[in-house]
C-alpha atoms as a PDB file:
ATOM      1  CA  MET A   1      -0.029  -0.005   0.001  1.00  0.00           C
ATOM      2  CA  ASP A   2       1.615   3.278  -1.095  1.00  0.00           C
ATOM      3  CA  LYS A   3       1.350   6.672   0.747  1.00  0.00           C
ATOM      4  CA  ASN A   4      -1.634   7.860  -1.385  1.00  0.00           C
ATOM      5  CA  GLN A   5      -3.560   4.702  -0.627  1.00  0.00           C
ATOM      6  CA  ILE A   6      -2.821   5.034   3.065  1.00  0.00           C
ATOM      7  CA  ARG A   7      -3.950   8.643   3.065  1.00  0.00           C
ATOM      8  CA  GLU A   8      -7.200   7.768   1.369  1.00  0.00           C
ATOM      9  CA  TYR A   9      -7.789   4.948   3.842  1.00  0.00           C
ATOM     10  CA  LEU A  10      -7.179   7.251   6.798  1.00  0.00           C
ATOM     11  CA  GLU A  11      -9.252  10.056   5.329  1.00  0.00           C
ATOM     12  CA  TYR A  12     -12.182   7.604   5.007  1.00  0.00           C
ATOM     13  CA  TYR A  13     -12.130   7.187   8.759  1.00  0.00           C
ATOM     14  CA  ARG A  14     -11.936  10.931   9.214  1.00  0.00           C
ATOM     15  CA  ASP A  15     -15.053  11.325   7.087  1.00  0.00           C
ATOM     16  CA  LEU A  16     -16.794   8.884   9.474  1.00  0.00           C
ATOM     17  CA  GLY A  17     -16.003  11.212  12.368  1.00  0.00           C
ATOM     18  CA  PHE A  18     -12.855   9.615  13.803  1.00  0.00           C
ATOM     19  CA  ASP A  19      -9.904  11.910  14.799  1.00  0.00           C
ATOM     20  CA  VAL A  20      -7.524   9.163  15.819  1.00  0.00           C
ATOM     21  CA  ILE A  21      -7.194   5.455  15.269  1.00  0.00           C
ATOM     22  CA  TYR A  22      -5.173   2.766  17.090  1.00  0.00           C
ATOM     23  CA  ARG A  23      -2.780   0.424  15.426  1.00  0.00           C
ATOM     24  CA  ARG A  24      -1.694  -2.914  16.840  1.00  0.00           C
ATOM     25  CA  SER A  25       1.137  -2.573  19.350  1.00  0.00           C
ATOM     26  CA  THR A  26       4.514  -4.041  18.652  1.00  0.00           C
ATOM     27  CA  ARG A  27       7.297  -5.058  20.995  1.00  0.00           C
ATOM     28  CA  ALA A  28       9.166  -1.932  19.852  1.00  0.00           C
ATOM     29  CA  ASP A  29       6.190   0.179  20.986  1.00  0.00           C
ATOM     30  CA  TYR A  30       6.272  -1.321  24.427  1.00  0.00           C
ATOM     31  CA  ALA A  31      10.045  -1.099  24.644  1.00  0.00           C
ATOM     32  CA  ALA A  32       9.850   2.608  23.790  1.00  0.00           C
ATOM     33  CA  ALA A  33       6.648   3.162  25.851  1.00  0.00           C
ATOM     34  CA  VAL A  34       5.023   4.689  22.795  1.00  0.00           C
ATOM     35  CA  SER A  35       1.292   4.809  22.481  1.00  0.00           C
ATOM     36  CA  PRO A  36       0.100   3.032  19.257  1.00  0.00           C
ATOM     37  CA  MET A  37      -2.312   5.940  18.627  1.00  0.00           C
ATOM     38  CA  VAL A  38      -2.160   7.472  15.132  1.00  0.00           C
ATOM     39  CA  GLU A  39      -3.498  10.943  14.467  1.00  0.00           C
ATOM     40  CA  LEU A  40      -5.471  11.147  11.243  1.00  0.00           C
ATOM     41  CA  PRO A  41      -4.077  13.454   8.504  1.00  0.00           C
ATOM     42  CA  GLY A  42      -5.800  16.656   7.468  1.00  0.00           C
ATOM     43  CA  LEU A  43      -7.835  16.600   4.243  1.00  0.00           C
ATOM     44  CA  ALA A  44      -5.881  19.548   2.854  1.00  0.00           C
ATOM     45  CA  PRO A  45      -2.149  19.146   1.765  1.00  0.00           C
ATOM     46  CA  ASP A  46       0.440  21.522   3.138  1.00  0.00           C
ATOM     47  CA  ASN A  47       0.826  24.830   1.351  1.00  0.00           C
ATOM     48  CA  ASP A  48      -2.606  24.367  -0.292  1.00  0.00           C
ATOM     49  CA  SER A  49      -4.026  27.027  -2.632  1.00  0.00           C
ATOM     50  CA  LEU A  50      -7.115  27.580  -4.689  1.00  0.00           C
ATOM     51  CA  ALA A  51      -5.030  27.044  -7.851  1.00  0.00           C
ATOM     52  CA  ALA A  52      -3.776  23.750  -6.522  1.00  0.00           C
ATOM     53  CA  ILE A  53      -7.308  22.648  -5.707  1.00  0.00           C
ATOM     54  CA  ARG A  54      -8.545  23.502  -9.207  1.00  0.00           C
ATOM     55  CA  ASN A  55      -5.574  21.665 -10.646  1.00  0.00           C
ATOM     56  CA  ASP A  56      -6.337  18.585  -8.541  1.00  0.00           C
ATOM     57  CA  ILE A  57      -9.967  18.599  -9.703  1.00  0.00           C
ATOM     58  CA  GLY A  58      -8.711  18.530 -13.339  1.00  0.00           C
ATOM     59  CA  ASP A  59     -11.237  17.121 -15.808  1.00  0.00           C
ATOM     60  CA  CYS A  60     -13.013  15.375 -12.992  1.00  0.00           C
ATOM     61  CA  ARG A  61     -14.588  11.954 -13.522  1.00  0.00           C
ATOM     62  CA  ARG A  62     -14.968  10.998  -9.902  1.00  0.00           C
ATOM     63  CA  CYS A  63     -18.797  10.761  -9.950  1.00  0.00           C
ATOM     64  CA  ARG A  64     -21.701  10.463 -12.337  1.00  0.00           C
ATOM     65  CA  LEU A  65     -22.233  14.239 -12.505  1.00  0.00           C
ATOM     66  CA  CYS A  66     -19.358  14.422 -15.047  1.00  0.00           C
ATOM     67  CA  GLU A  67     -21.521  12.613 -17.663  1.00  0.00           C
ATOM     68  CA  GLU A  68     -23.770  15.511 -18.659  1.00  0.00           C
ATOM     69  CA  ARG A  69     -21.861  18.639 -17.560  1.00  0.00           C
ATOM     70  CA  LYS A  70     -20.378  21.117 -19.915  1.00  0.00           C
ATOM     71  CA  ASN A  71     -18.086  22.966 -17.476  1.00  0.00           C
ATOM     72  CA  ILE A  72     -16.767  22.425 -14.025  1.00  0.00           C
ATOM     73  CA  VAL A  73     -17.869  25.441 -11.899  1.00  0.00           C
ATOM     74  CA  PHE A  74     -15.143  25.937  -9.347  1.00  0.00           C
ATOM     75  CA  GLY A  75     -15.877  29.282  -7.727  1.00  0.00           C
ATOM     76  CA  SER A  76     -15.358  32.991  -8.224  1.00  0.00           C
ATOM     77  CA  GLY A  77     -14.695  36.211  -6.360  1.00  0.00           C
ATOM     78  CA  ASN A  78     -12.073  37.577  -4.036  1.00  0.00           C
ATOM     79  CA  GLU A  79      -9.715  34.764  -3.090  1.00  0.00           C
ATOM     80  CA  GLU A  80      -8.907  36.517   0.158  1.00  0.00           C
ATOM     81  CA  ALA A  81     -12.525  37.277   0.970  1.00  0.00           C
ATOM     82  CA  ARG A  82     -13.728  37.699   4.525  1.00  0.00           C
ATOM     83  CA  LEU A  83     -17.115  36.231   3.570  1.00  0.00           C
ATOM     84  CA  VAL A  84     -17.807  33.053   1.482  1.00  0.00           C
ATOM     85  CA  PHE A  85     -21.234  32.073   0.140  1.00  0.00           C
ATOM     86  CA  VAL A  86     -21.790  28.307  -0.444  1.00  0.00           C
ATOM     87  CA  GLY A  87     -24.640  27.213  -2.721  1.00  0.00           C
ATOM     88  CA  GLU A  88     -25.890  23.821  -3.788  1.00  0.00           C
ATOM     89  CA  GLY A  89     -24.617  23.284  -7.352  1.00  0.00           C
ATOM     90  CA  PRO A  90     -24.454  24.839 -10.806  1.00  0.00           C
ATOM     91  CA  GLY A  91     -27.589  25.337 -12.876  1.00  0.00           C
ATOM     92  CA  ALA A  92     -27.872  25.563 -16.674  1.00  0.00           C
ATOM     93  CA  ASP A  93     -26.465  29.084 -16.947  1.00  0.00           C
ATOM     94  CA  GLU A  94     -23.589  28.283 -14.607  1.00  0.00           C
ATOM     95  CA  ASP A  95     -22.843  25.025 -16.481  1.00  0.00           C
ATOM     96  CA  GLU A  96     -22.659  27.046 -19.751  1.00  0.00           C
ATOM     97  CA  GLU A  97     -20.404  29.810 -18.431  1.00  0.00           C
ATOM     98  CA  GLY A  98     -18.376  27.894 -15.922  1.00  0.00           C
ATOM     99  CA  LEU A  99     -19.137  30.472 -13.153  1.00  0.00           C
ATOM    100  CA  PRO A 100     -21.303  30.190 -10.052  1.00  0.00           C
ATOM    101  CA  PHE A 101     -24.562  32.040  -9.594  1.00  0.00           C
ATOM    102  CA  VAL A 102     -24.894  33.837 -12.990  1.00  0.00           C
ATOM    103  CA  GLY A 103     -28.468  32.878 -13.739  1.00  0.00           C
ATOM    104  CA  ARG A 104     -31.703  34.323 -12.240  1.00  0.00           C
ATOM    105  CA  ALA A 105     -30.830  33.086  -8.731  1.00  0.00           C
ATOM    106  CA  GLY A 106     -27.340  34.527  -9.133  1.00  0.00           C
ATOM    107  CA  GLN A 107     -28.682  37.865 -10.219  1.00  0.00           C
ATOM    108  CA  LEU A 108     -30.915  37.953  -7.162  1.00  0.00           C
ATOM    109  CA  LEU A 109     -27.950  37.010  -4.908  1.00  0.00           C
ATOM    110  CA  THR A 110     -25.883  39.900  -6.427  1.00  0.00           C
ATOM    111  CA  GLN A 111     -28.773  42.333  -5.760  1.00  0.00           C
ATOM    112  CA  MET A 112     -29.095  41.087  -2.210  1.00  0.00           C
ATOM    113  CA  ILE A 113     -25.338  41.510  -1.489  1.00  0.00           C
ATOM    114  CA  ASP A 114     -24.950  44.874  -3.276  1.00  0.00           C
ATOM    115  CA  ASN A 115     -28.178  46.480  -2.143  1.00  0.00           C
ATOM    116  CA  THR A 116     -28.120  45.317   1.464  1.00  0.00           C
ATOM    117  CA  ALA A 117     -24.462  46.397   1.828  1.00  0.00           C
ATOM    118  CA  SER A 118     -25.330  49.816   0.335  1.00  0.00           C
ATOM    119  CA  LYS A 119     -28.362  50.358   2.559  1.00  0.00           C
ATOM    120  CA  GLU A 120     -26.328  49.346   5.662  1.00  0.00           C
ATOM    121  CA  GLY A 121     -23.357  51.550   4.786  1.00  0.00           C
ATOM    122  CA  ILE A 122     -20.988  48.656   4.212  1.00  0.00           C
ATOM    123  CA  PRO A 123     -18.619  49.370   1.294  1.00  0.00           C
ATOM    124  CA  ILE A 124     -18.592  45.944  -0.433  1.00  0.00           C
ATOM    125  CA  LYS A 125     -20.115  44.435  -3.535  1.00  0.00           C
ATOM    126  CA  ARG A 126     -20.380  40.925  -4.844  1.00  0.00           C
ATOM    127  CA  LYS A 127     -16.828  41.004  -6.264  1.00  0.00           C
ATOM    128  CA  ASP A 128     -15.544  41.373  -2.720  1.00  0.00           C
ATOM    129  CA  VAL A 129     -16.890  38.024  -1.505  1.00  0.00           C
ATOM    130  CA  TYR A 130     -16.127  34.461  -2.714  1.00  0.00           C
ATOM    131  CA  ILE A 131     -18.874  32.202  -4.040  1.00  0.00           C
ATOM    132  CA  CYS A 132     -18.777  28.506  -4.615  1.00  0.00           C
ATOM    133  CA  ASN A 133     -21.011  25.376  -4.482  1.00  0.00           C
ATOM    134  CA  VAL A 134     -21.085  22.055  -2.709  1.00  0.00           C
ATOM    135  CA  VAL A 135     -20.841  20.209  -6.033  1.00  0.00           C
ATOM    136  CA  LYS A 136     -18.878  21.573  -8.958  1.00  0.00           C
ATOM    137  CA  CYS A 137     -20.891  19.933 -11.802  1.00  0.00           C
ATOM    138  CA  ARG A 138     -24.500  20.499 -12.695  1.00  0.00           C
ATOM    139  CA  PRO A 139     -26.812  17.703 -11.535  1.00  0.00           C
ATOM    140  CA  PRO A 140     -29.138  16.595 -14.361  1.00  0.00           C
ATOM    141  CA  GLY A 141     -32.345  18.554 -14.440  1.00  0.00           C
ATOM    142  CA  ASN A 142     -31.033  20.658 -11.551  1.00  0.00           C
ATOM    143  CA  ARG A 143     -31.931  17.808  -9.131  1.00  0.00           C
ATOM    144  CA  THR A 144     -30.578  17.769  -5.568  1.00  0.00           C
ATOM    145  CA  PRO A 145     -27.066  16.340  -5.473  1.00  0.00           C
ATOM    146  CA  GLN A 146     -26.904  12.835  -4.077  1.00  0.00           C
ATOM    147  CA  PRO A 147     -25.033  12.013  -0.794  1.00  0.00           C
ATOM    148  CA  ASP A 148     -22.182  10.236  -2.538  1.00  0.00           C
ATOM    149  CA  GLU A 149     -21.823  13.198  -5.023  1.00  0.00           C
ATOM    150  CA  MET A 150     -21.682  15.597  -2.168  1.00  0.00           C
ATOM    151  CA  GLU A 151     -19.131  13.526  -0.342  1.00  0.00           C
ATOM    152  CA  ILE A 152     -16.821  13.223  -3.329  1.00  0.00           C
ATOM    153  CA  CYS A 153     -16.999  16.931  -4.148  1.00  0.00           C
ATOM    154  CA  GLY A 154     -17.045  17.881  -0.525  1.00  0.00           C
ATOM    155  CA  GLN A 155     -13.292  17.335  -0.228  1.00  0.00           C
ATOM    156  CA  PHE A 156     -12.724  20.238  -2.642  1.00  0.00           C
ATOM    157  CA  LEU A 157     -15.210  22.498  -0.810  1.00  0.00           C
ATOM    158  CA  PHE A 158     -13.382  21.635   2.439  1.00  0.00           C
ATOM    159  CA  ARG A 159     -10.087  22.679   0.860  1.00  0.00           C
ATOM    160  CA  GLN A 160     -11.520  25.873  -0.585  1.00  0.00           C
ATOM    161  CA  LEU A 161     -12.874  27.030   2.757  1.00  0.00           C
ATOM    162  CA  THR A 162      -9.680  26.000   4.542  1.00  0.00           C
ATOM    163  CA  VAL A 163      -7.461  27.966   2.100  1.00  0.00           C
ATOM    164  CA  ILE A 164      -9.653  31.127   2.195  1.00  0.00           C
ATOM    165  CA  ARG A 165     -10.381  30.873   5.917  1.00  0.00           C
ATOM    166  CA  PRO A 166     -13.036  33.624   5.927  1.00  0.00           C
ATOM    167  CA  LYS A 167     -14.436  35.367   8.930  1.00  0.00           C
ATOM    168  CA  ALA A 168     -17.776  33.858   8.157  1.00  0.00           C
ATOM    169  CA  ILE A 169     -19.584  31.474   5.769  1.00  0.00           C
ATOM    170  CA  CYS A 170     -23.130  31.806   4.477  1.00  0.00           C
ATOM    171  CA  ALA A 171     -24.781  28.536   3.602  1.00  0.00           C
ATOM    172  CA  LEU A 172     -27.436  29.137   0.862  1.00  0.00           C
ATOM    173  CA  GLY A 173     -30.187  26.535   1.204  1.00  0.00           C
ATOM    174  CA  ALA A 174     -30.596  23.047   2.707  1.00  0.00           C
ATOM    175  CA  THR A 175     -27.947  21.260   0.664  1.00  0.00           C
ATOM    176  CA  ALA A 176     -25.175  23.651   1.669  1.00  0.00           C
ATOM    177  CA  MET A 177     -26.411  23.620   5.242  1.00  0.00           C
ATOM    178  CA  LYS A 178     -26.283  19.793   5.373  1.00  0.00           C
ATOM    179  CA  ALA A 179     -22.859  19.706   3.725  1.00  0.00           C
ATOM    180  CA  LEU A 180     -21.350  22.113   6.225  1.00  0.00           C
ATOM    181  CA  LEU A 181     -23.141  21.179   9.451  1.00  0.00           C
ATOM    182  CA  ASN A 182     -23.891  17.432   8.771  1.00  0.00           C
ATOM    183  CA  THR A 183     -27.353  17.903  10.228  1.00  0.00           C
ATOM    184  CA  ARG A 184     -30.769  16.384   9.515  1.00  0.00           C
ATOM    185  CA  ASP A 185     -32.624  19.475  10.826  1.00  0.00           C
ATOM    186  CA  GLY A 186     -34.685  21.503   8.407  1.00  0.00           C
ATOM    187  CA  ILE A 187     -33.582  24.861   7.139  1.00  0.00           C
ATOM    188  CA  THR A 188     -36.502  26.699   8.764  1.00  0.00           C
ATOM    189  CA  LYS A 189     -35.286  25.548  12.137  1.00  0.00           C
ATOM    190  CA  LEU A 190     -31.663  26.523  11.697  1.00  0.00           C
ATOM    191  CA  ARG A 191     -31.737  29.612   9.445  1.00  0.00           C
ATOM    192  CA  GLY A 192     -30.954  32.993  10.995  1.00  0.00           C
ATOM    193  CA  GLN A 193     -28.761  31.393  13.601  1.00  0.00           C
ATOM    194  CA  TRP A 194     -25.033  31.144  14.049  1.00  0.00           C
ATOM    195  CA  HIS A 195     -23.373  27.764  13.737  1.00  0.00           C
ATOM    196  CA  LYS A 196     -19.780  26.689  13.289  1.00  0.00           C
ATOM    197  CA  TRP A 197     -17.784  24.852  10.575  1.00  0.00           C
ATOM    198  CA  ASN A 198     -14.215  24.071  11.734  1.00  0.00           C
ATOM    199  CA  GLY A 199     -14.293  27.041  14.029  1.00  0.00           C
ATOM    200  CA  ILE A 200     -15.669  29.463  11.378  1.00  0.00           C
ATOM    201  CA  PRO A 201     -19.053  31.015  12.068  1.00  0.00           C
ATOM    202  CA  VAL A 202     -21.745  29.902   9.637  1.00  0.00           C
ATOM    203  CA  MET A 203     -25.051  31.697   8.946  1.00  0.00           C
ATOM    204  CA  ILE A 204     -27.794  29.665   7.309  1.00  0.00           C
ATOM    205  CA  THR A 205     -30.342  31.284   4.965  1.00  0.00           C
ATOM    206  CA  TYR A 206     -32.550  30.378   2.006  1.00  0.00           C
ATOM    207  CA  HIS A 207     -31.179  29.764  -1.475  1.00  0.00           C
ATOM    208  CA  PRO A 208     -31.991  32.601  -3.855  1.00  0.00           C
ATOM    209  CA  SER A 209     -33.763  30.166  -6.220  1.00  0.00           C
ATOM    210  CA  TYR A 210     -36.245  29.426  -3.369  1.00  0.00           C
ATOM    211  CA  LEU A 211     -36.774  33.225  -2.893  1.00  0.00           C
ATOM    212  CA  LEU A 212     -37.748  33.674  -6.623  1.00  0.00           C
ATOM    213  CA  ARG A 213     -40.972  31.830  -6.081  1.00  0.00           C
ATOM    214  CA  GLN A 214     -43.945  34.245  -5.778  1.00  0.00           C
ATOM    215  CA  TYR A 215     -45.392  32.910  -2.586  1.00  0.00           C
ATOM    216  CA  ASN A 216     -42.173  33.292  -0.574  1.00  0.00           C
ATOM    217  CA  GLN A 217     -42.561  36.900   0.587  1.00  0.00           C
ATOM    218  CA  GLN A 218     -41.992  35.977   4.209  1.00  0.00           C
ATOM    219  CA  ALA A 219     -38.859  34.009   3.303  1.00  0.00           C
ATOM    220  CA  LYS A 220     -37.546  36.970   1.344  1.00  0.00           C
ATOM    221  CA  ARG A 221     -37.854  39.247   4.405  1.00  0.00           C
ATOM    222  CA  GLU A 222     -36.102  36.619   6.561  1.00  0.00           C
ATOM    223  CA  ALA A 223     -33.326  36.243   4.034  1.00  0.00           C
ATOM    224  CA  TRP A 224     -32.689  39.966   3.944  1.00  0.00           C
ATOM    225  CA  GLU A 225     -32.514  40.037   7.722  1.00  0.00           C
ATOM    226  CA  ASP A 226     -30.087  37.099   7.748  1.00  0.00           C
ATOM    227  CA  LEU A 227     -27.941  38.927   5.252  1.00  0.00           C
ATOM    228  CA  LYS A 228     -27.892  42.126   7.221  1.00  0.00           C
ATOM    229  CA  THR A 229     -26.812  40.238  10.372  1.00  0.00           C
ATOM    230  CA  LEU A 230     -24.058  38.512   8.393  1.00  0.00           C
ATOM    231  CA  LEU A 231     -22.673  41.591   6.685  1.00  0.00           C
ATOM    232  CA  HIS A 232     -22.539  43.539   9.983  1.00  0.00           C
ATOM    233  CA  PHE A 233     -20.781  40.628  11.712  1.00  0.00           C
ATOM    234  CA  VAL A 234     -18.115  40.301   9.033  1.00  0.00           C
ATOM    235  CA  TYR A 235     -17.497  43.949   8.078  1.00  0.00           C
ATOM    236  CA  ASP A 236     -18.325  46.119  11.171  1.00  0.00           C
END
């Protein structure tokens, strides 16, 4: 078993929630009074960068989402952003352009960021934040990503967030919420509250595509309040 295979094996146990594992003791261990406890490696390599992550993704064929996609949608924005927005996955417009949140939902997100910041006297625009998705390829028919697809792509999201290390993360919608918090709770229960992902504060709010539906006036008001709280926390 080579080093890469060992790393993948250990990272599998980290994904299951284990921080350490125990190996069988040897006589040398007892002679040296060394505990046979092995700390699991981090998911991100040393000196990681967004460019290295994108290079590692390559022309990804790790899951079934590659079969119908046109472009991998990695992420966009300020690579040193203090705030990162995480969505679910690319739609048709994003798949066409290779950029996140450029369709109707993306236009609404831009308006929400720019207009809320302006009204609150916070001098930022969309270009000042970083935006990415849980999965980097468009699910067929814009369906919700499957758990195995989220798990495979999740390693790259983990590395993106670790490299940027923002002051806060905004999870847009239930899929992003579940990917970051590993929870089964519904979004209406957790939205508008602060949570944590690897020590970074996380605000949960509705996905812009949900807010585009005509009957969601109350959700729109709640999302704007969530965004105001988020922007003041990050930039005040």
